[in-house]
Amino acid sequence: MMRDLRIALEPVAIKSQLSPQGKQIFWNITAGGYQLTGVGLVSQTAMLFSGR
Protein backbone atom coordinates (compact mmCIF):
# COMPACT_ATOMS: atom_id res chain seq x y z
CA MET A 1 0.00 0.00 0.00
CA MET A 2 2.81 2.45 0.84
CA ARG A 3 4.45 1.68 -2.49
CA ASP A 4 1.23 2.50 -4.34
CA LEU A 5 0.84 5.74 -2.38
CA ARG A 6 4.41 6.73 -3.15
CA ILE A 7 3.91 6.01 -6.87
CA ALA A 8 0.72 8.08 -6.88
CA LEU A 9 2.30 11.04 -5.09
CA GLU A 10 5.65 11.13 -6.86
CA PRO A 11 4.53 13.04 -10.00
CA VAL A 12 2.75 15.63 -7.86
CA ALA A 13 5.79 15.99 -5.62
CA ILE A 14 8.10 16.46 -8.61
CA LYS A 15 5.86 19.32 -9.78
CA SER A 16 5.96 20.81 -6.23
CA GLN A 17 2.16 20.65 -6.00
CA LEU A 18 1.82 18.91 -2.64
CA SER A 19 0.30 20.64 0.36
CA PRO A 20 2.57 21.10 3.40
CA GLN A 21 1.01 17.99 4.98
CA GLY A 22 1.36 16.09 1.71
CA LYS A 23 5.04 17.03 1.55
CA GLN A 24 5.60 15.72 5.06
CA ILE A 25 3.81 12.46 4.33
CA PHE A 26 5.70 12.02 1.05
CA TRP A 27 9.02 12.78 2.75
CA ASN A 28 8.30 10.21 5.44
CA ILE A 29 7.34 7.60 2.85
CA THR A 30 10.45 8.17 0.73
CA ALA A 31 12.73 8.31 3.76
CA GLY A 32 11.31 5.00 5.01
CA GLY A 33 10.08 6.62 8.21
CA TYR A 34 6.41 5.77 7.86
CA GLN A 35 5.54 2.71 9.86
CA LEU A 36 1.84 3.44 10.22
CA THR A 37 -0.65 0.66 9.80
CA GLY A 38 -4.40 0.34 10.02
CA VAL A 39 -6.32 3.38 11.21
CA GLY A 40 -3.21 5.58 11.46
CA LEU A 41 -2.35 5.05 7.81
CA VAL A 42 -5.93 5.54 6.70
CA SER A 43 -6.31 8.77 8.66
CA GLN A 44 -3.05 10.18 7.28
CA THR A 45 -4.06 9.31 3.73
CA ALA A 46 -7.53 10.80 4.26
CA MET A 47 -6.00 14.03 5.57
CA LEU A 48 -3.74 14.22 2.55
CA PHE A 49 -6.56 13.93 0.05
CA SER A 50 -9.09 16.02 1.98
CA GLY A 51 -6.81 19.06 2.10
CA ARG A 52 -6.92 19.45 5.88
PDB file of N, CA and C in Angstrom:
ATOM      1  N   MET A   1       0.811  -1.177   0.000  1.00  0.00           N
ATOM      2  CA  MET A   1       0.000   0.000   0.000  1.00  0.00           C
ATOM      3  C   MET A   1       0.871   1.263   0.000  1.00  0.00           C
ATOM      4  N   MET A   2       1.928   1.280   0.795  1.00  0.00           N
ATOM      5  CA  MET A   2       2.809   2.446   0.843  1.00  0.00           C
ATOM      6  C   MET A   2       3.489   2.656  -0.508  1.00  0.00           C
ATOM      7  N   ARG A   3       3.828   1.583  -1.171  1.00  0.00           N
ATOM      8  CA  ARG A   3       4.452   1.683  -2.493  1.00  0.00           C
ATOM      9  C   ARG A   3       3.493   2.336  -3.479  1.00  0.00           C
ATOM     10  N   ASP A   4       2.233   1.918  -3.449  1.00  0.00           N
ATOM     11  CA  ASP A   4       1.226   2.498  -4.336  1.00  0.00           C
ATOM     12  C   ASP A   4       1.017   3.980  -4.043  1.00  0.00           C
ATOM     13  N   LEU A   5       0.999   4.343  -2.765  1.00  0.00           N
ATOM     14  CA  LEU A   5       0.835   5.736  -2.382  1.00  0.00           C
ATOM     15  C   LEU A   5       2.024   6.565  -2.852  1.00  0.00           C
ATOM     16  N   ARG A   6       3.213   6.019  -2.689  1.00  0.00           N
ATOM     17  CA  ARG A   6       4.410   6.732  -3.153  1.00  0.00           C
ATOM     18  C   ARG A   6       4.368   6.938  -4.671  1.00  0.00           C
ATOM     19  N   ILE A   7       3.995   5.915  -5.406  1.00  0.00           N
ATOM     20  CA  ILE A   7       3.913   6.013  -6.869  1.00  0.00           C
ATOM     21  C   ILE A   7       2.878   7.067  -7.272  1.00  0.00           C
ATOM     22  N   ALA A   8       1.760   7.114  -6.562  1.00  0.00           N
ATOM     23  CA  ALA A   8       0.716   8.080  -6.883  1.00  0.00           C
ATOM     24  C   ALA A   8       1.143   9.512  -6.570  1.00  0.00           C
ATOM     25  N   LEU A   9       1.907   9.696  -5.508  1.00  0.00           N
ATOM     26  CA  LEU A   9       2.297  11.044  -5.087  1.00  0.00           C
ATOM     27  C   LEU A   9       3.536  11.580  -5.788  1.00  0.00           C
ATOM     28  N   GLU A  10       4.369  10.696  -6.295  1.00  0.00           N
ATOM     29  CA  GLU A  10       5.647  11.131  -6.861  1.00  0.00           C
ATOM     30  C   GLU A  10       5.514  12.176  -7.968  1.00  0.00           C
ATOM     31  N   PRO A  11       4.635  12.006  -8.958  1.00  0.00           N
ATOM     32  CA  PRO A  11       4.531  13.035 -10.002  1.00  0.00           C
ATOM     33  C   PRO A  11       4.097  14.401  -9.453  1.00  0.00           C
ATOM     34  N   VAL A  12       3.219  14.380  -8.468  1.00  0.00           N
ATOM     35  CA  VAL A  12       2.752  15.626  -7.860  1.00  0.00           C
ATOM     36  C   VAL A  12       3.887  16.278  -7.070  1.00  0.00           C
ATOM     37  N   ALA A  13       4.666  15.463  -6.384  1.00  0.00           N
ATOM     38  CA  ALA A  13       5.794  15.987  -5.618  1.00  0.00           C
ATOM     39  C   ALA A  13       6.852  16.584  -6.540  1.00  0.00           C
ATOM     40  N   ILE A  14       7.114  15.954  -7.652  1.00  0.00           N
ATOM     41  CA  ILE A  14       8.099  16.464  -8.611  1.00  0.00           C
ATOM     42  C   ILE A  14       7.674  17.839  -9.122  1.00  0.00           C
ATOM     43  N   LYS A  15       6.375  18.029  -9.295  1.00  0.00           N
ATOM     44  CA  LYS A  15       5.856  19.316  -9.778  1.00  0.00           C
ATOM     45  C   LYS A  15       5.697  20.327  -8.639  1.00  0.00           C
ATOM     46  N   SER A  16       6.088  19.956  -7.427  1.00  0.00           N
ATOM     47  CA  SER A  16       5.957  20.811  -6.234  1.00  0.00           C
ATOM     48  C   SER A  16       4.515  21.254  -6.006  1.00  0.00           C
ATOM     49  N   GLN A  17       3.580  20.329  -6.155  1.00  0.00           N
ATOM     50  CA  GLN A  17       2.162  20.645  -6.001  1.00  0.00           C
ATOM     51  C   GLN A  17       1.534  19.973  -4.776  1.00  0.00           C
ATOM     52  N   LEU A  18       2.352  19.516  -3.852  1.00  0.00           N
ATOM     53  CA  LEU A  18       1.815  18.907  -2.638  1.00  0.00           C
ATOM     54  C   LEU A  18       1.574  19.979  -1.579  1.00  0.00           C
ATOM     55  N   SER A  19       0.551  19.768  -0.779  1.00  0.00           N
ATOM     56  CA  SER A  19       0.300  20.642   0.362  1.00  0.00           C
ATOM     57  C   SER A  19       1.418  20.429   1.382  1.00  0.00           C
ATOM     58  N   PRO A  20       1.550  21.309   2.361  1.00  0.00           N
ATOM     59  CA  PRO A  20       2.573  21.098   3.397  1.00  0.00           C
ATOM     60  C   PRO A  20       2.444  19.736   4.085  1.00  0.00           C
ATOM     61  N   GLN A  21       1.204  19.314   4.368  1.00  0.00           N
ATOM     62  CA  GLN A  21       1.011  17.993   4.977  1.00  0.00           C
ATOM     63  C   GLN A  21       1.381  16.892   4.000  1.00  0.00           C
ATOM     64  N   GLY A  22       1.017  17.072   2.741  1.00  0.00           N
ATOM     65  CA  GLY A  22       1.360  16.088   1.715  1.00  0.00           C
ATOM     66  C   GLY A  22       2.862  15.947   1.563  1.00  0.00           C
ATOM     67  N   LYS A  23       3.574  17.063   1.634  1.00  0.00           N
ATOM     68  CA  LYS A  23       5.039  17.028   1.549  1.00  0.00           C
ATOM     69  C   LYS A  23       5.624  16.224   2.696  1.00  0.00           C
ATOM     70  N   GLN A  24       5.097  16.450   3.896  1.00  0.00           N
ATOM     71  CA  GLN A  24       5.602  15.721   5.064  1.00  0.00           C
ATOM     72  C   GLN A  24       5.332  14.227   4.931  1.00  0.00           C
ATOM     73  N   ILE A  25       4.141  13.873   4.502  1.00  0.00           N
ATOM     74  CA  ILE A  25       3.814  12.465   4.326  1.00  0.00           C
ATOM     75  C   ILE A  25       4.701  11.846   3.253  1.00  0.00           C
ATOM     76  N   PHE A  26       4.865  12.544   2.122  1.00  0.00           N
ATOM     77  CA  PHE A  26       5.702  12.017   1.048  1.00  0.00           C
ATOM     78  C   PHE A  26       7.144  11.874   1.513  1.00  0.00           C
ATOM     79  N   TRP A  27       7.643  12.852   2.239  1.00  0.00           N
ATOM     80  CA  TRP A  27       9.018  12.782   2.749  1.00  0.00           C
ATOM     81  C   TRP A  27       9.180  11.563   3.659  1.00  0.00           C
ATOM     82  N   ASN A  28       8.215  11.351   4.542  1.00  0.00           N
ATOM     83  CA  ASN A  28       8.300  10.205   5.443  1.00  0.00           C
ATOM     84  C   ASN A  28       8.252   8.885   4.689  1.00  0.00           C
ATOM     85  N   ILE A  29       7.433   8.822   3.642  1.00  0.00           N
ATOM     86  CA  ILE A  29       7.343   7.601   2.850  1.00  0.00           C
ATOM     87  C   ILE A  29       8.675   7.337   2.145  1.00  0.00           C
ATOM     88  N   THR A  30       9.220   8.367   1.506  1.00  0.00           N
ATOM     89  CA  THR A  30      10.446   8.167   0.729  1.00  0.00           C
ATOM     90  C   THR A  30      11.658   7.950   1.622  1.00  0.00           C
ATOM     91  N   ALA A  31      11.625   8.491   2.834  1.00  0.00           N
ATOM     92  CA  ALA A  31      12.730   8.308   3.759  1.00  0.00           C
ATOM     93  C   ALA A  31      12.607   6.998   4.532  1.00  0.00           C
ATOM     94  N   GLY A  32      11.499   6.284   4.326  1.00  0.00           N
ATOM     95  CA  GLY A  32      11.308   5.004   5.010  1.00  0.00           C
ATOM     96  C   GLY A  32      10.880   5.163   6.450  1.00  0.00           C
ATOM     97  N   GLY A  33      10.450   6.370   6.829  1.00  0.00           N
ATOM     98  CA  GLY A  33      10.084   6.621   8.213  1.00  0.00           C
ATOM     99  C   GLY A  33       8.655   6.296   8.564  1.00  0.00           C
ATOM    100  N   TYR A  34       7.820   6.023   7.580  1.00  0.00           N
ATOM    101  CA  TYR A  34       6.410   5.771   7.865  1.00  0.00           C
ATOM    102  C   TYR A  34       6.211   4.315   8.203  1.00  0.00           C
ATOM    103  N   GLN A  35       5.814   4.068   9.420  1.00  0.00           N
ATOM    104  CA  GLN A  35       5.536   2.709   9.855  1.00  0.00           C
ATOM    105  C   GLN A  35       4.093   2.585  10.323  1.00  0.00           C
ATOM    106  N   LEU A  36       3.243   3.472   9.810  1.00  0.00           N
ATOM    107  CA  LEU A  36       1.844   3.439  10.218  1.00  0.00           C
ATOM    108  C   LEU A  36       1.119   2.260   9.595  1.00  0.00           C
ATOM    109  N   THR A  37       0.186   1.734  10.329  1.00  0.00           N
ATOM    110  CA  THR A  37      -0.653   0.662   9.801  1.00  0.00           C
ATOM    111  C   THR A  37      -2.088   0.938  10.219  1.00  0.00           C
ATOM    112  N   GLY A  38      -3.001   0.279   9.616  1.00  0.00           N
ATOM    113  CA  GLY A  38      -4.398   0.342  10.021  1.00  0.00           C
ATOM    114  C   GLY A  38      -4.973   1.736  10.013  1.00  0.00           C
ATOM    115  N   VAL A  39      -5.611   2.106  11.106  1.00  0.00           N
ATOM    116  CA  VAL A  39      -6.315   3.376  11.207  1.00  0.00           C
ATOM    117  C   VAL A  39      -5.371   4.553  11.047  1.00  0.00           C
ATOM    118  N   GLY A  40      -4.172   4.485  11.582  1.00  0.00           N
ATOM    119  CA  GLY A  40      -3.213   5.583  11.457  1.00  0.00           C
ATOM    120  C   GLY A  40      -2.889   5.884  10.011  1.00  0.00           C
ATOM    121  N   LEU A  41      -2.651   4.867   9.228  1.00  0.00           N
ATOM    122  CA  LEU A  41      -2.348   5.047   7.811  1.00  0.00           C
ATOM    123  C   LEU A  41      -3.548   5.598   7.070  1.00  0.00           C
ATOM    124  N   VAL A  42      -4.719   5.076   7.364  1.00  0.00           N
ATOM    125  CA  VAL A  42      -5.932   5.539   6.698  1.00  0.00           C
ATOM    126  C   VAL A  42      -6.196   6.995   7.038  1.00  0.00           C
ATOM    127  N   SER A  43      -6.039   7.375   8.280  1.00  0.00           N
ATOM    128  CA  SER A  43      -6.309   8.767   8.664  1.00  0.00           C
ATOM    129  C   SER A  43      -5.306   9.714   8.032  1.00  0.00           C
ATOM    130  N   GLN A  44      -4.036   9.331   7.940  1.00  0.00           N
ATOM    131  CA  GLN A  44      -3.049  10.182   7.281  1.00  0.00           C
ATOM    132  C   GLN A  44      -3.339  10.324   5.802  1.00  0.00           C
ATOM    133  N   THR A  45      -3.729   9.264   5.164  1.00  0.00           N
ATOM    134  CA  THR A  45      -4.063   9.310   3.733  1.00  0.00           C
ATOM    135  C   THR A  45      -5.313  10.162   3.518  1.00  0.00           C
ATOM    136  N   ALA A  46      -6.306  10.009   4.368  1.00  0.00           N
ATOM    137  CA  ALA A  46      -7.533  10.804   4.259  1.00  0.00           C
ATOM    138  C   ALA A  46      -7.233  12.285   4.435  1.00  0.00           C
ATOM    139  N   MET A  47      -6.371  12.632   5.381  1.00  0.00           N
ATOM    140  CA  MET A  47      -5.998  14.029   5.574  1.00  0.00           C
ATOM    141  C   MET A  47      -5.298  14.583   4.344  1.00  0.00           C
ATOM    142  N   LEU A  48      -4.472  13.781   3.733  1.00  0.00           N
ATOM    143  CA  LEU A  48      -3.737  14.216   2.550  1.00  0.00           C
ATOM    144  C   LEU A  48      -4.698  14.570   1.431  1.00  0.00           C
ATOM    145  N   PHE A  49      -5.664  13.726   1.177  1.00  0.00           N
ATOM    146  CA  PHE A  49      -6.564  13.931   0.053  1.00  0.00           C
ATOM    147  C   PHE A  49      -7.745  14.841   0.358  1.00  0.00           C
ATOM    148  N   SER A  50      -7.988  15.117   1.632  1.00  0.00           N
ATOM    149  CA  SER A  50      -9.092  16.016   1.981  1.00  0.00           C
ATOM    150  C   SER A  50      -8.647  17.464   2.035  1.00  0.00           C
ATOM    151  N   GLY A  51      -7.331  17.702   2.062  1.00  0.00           N
ATOM    152  CA  GLY A  51      -6.813  19.062   2.097  1.00  0.00           C
ATOM    153  C   GLY A  51      -6.807  19.686   3.470  1.00  0.00           C
ATOM    154  N   ARG A  52      -6.927  18.912   4.502  1.00  0.00           N
ATOM    155  CA  ARG A  52      -6.920  19.447   5.876  1.00  0.00           C
ATOM    156  C   ARG A  52      -5.518  19.621   6.363  1.00  0.00           C
TER     157      ARG A  52
END
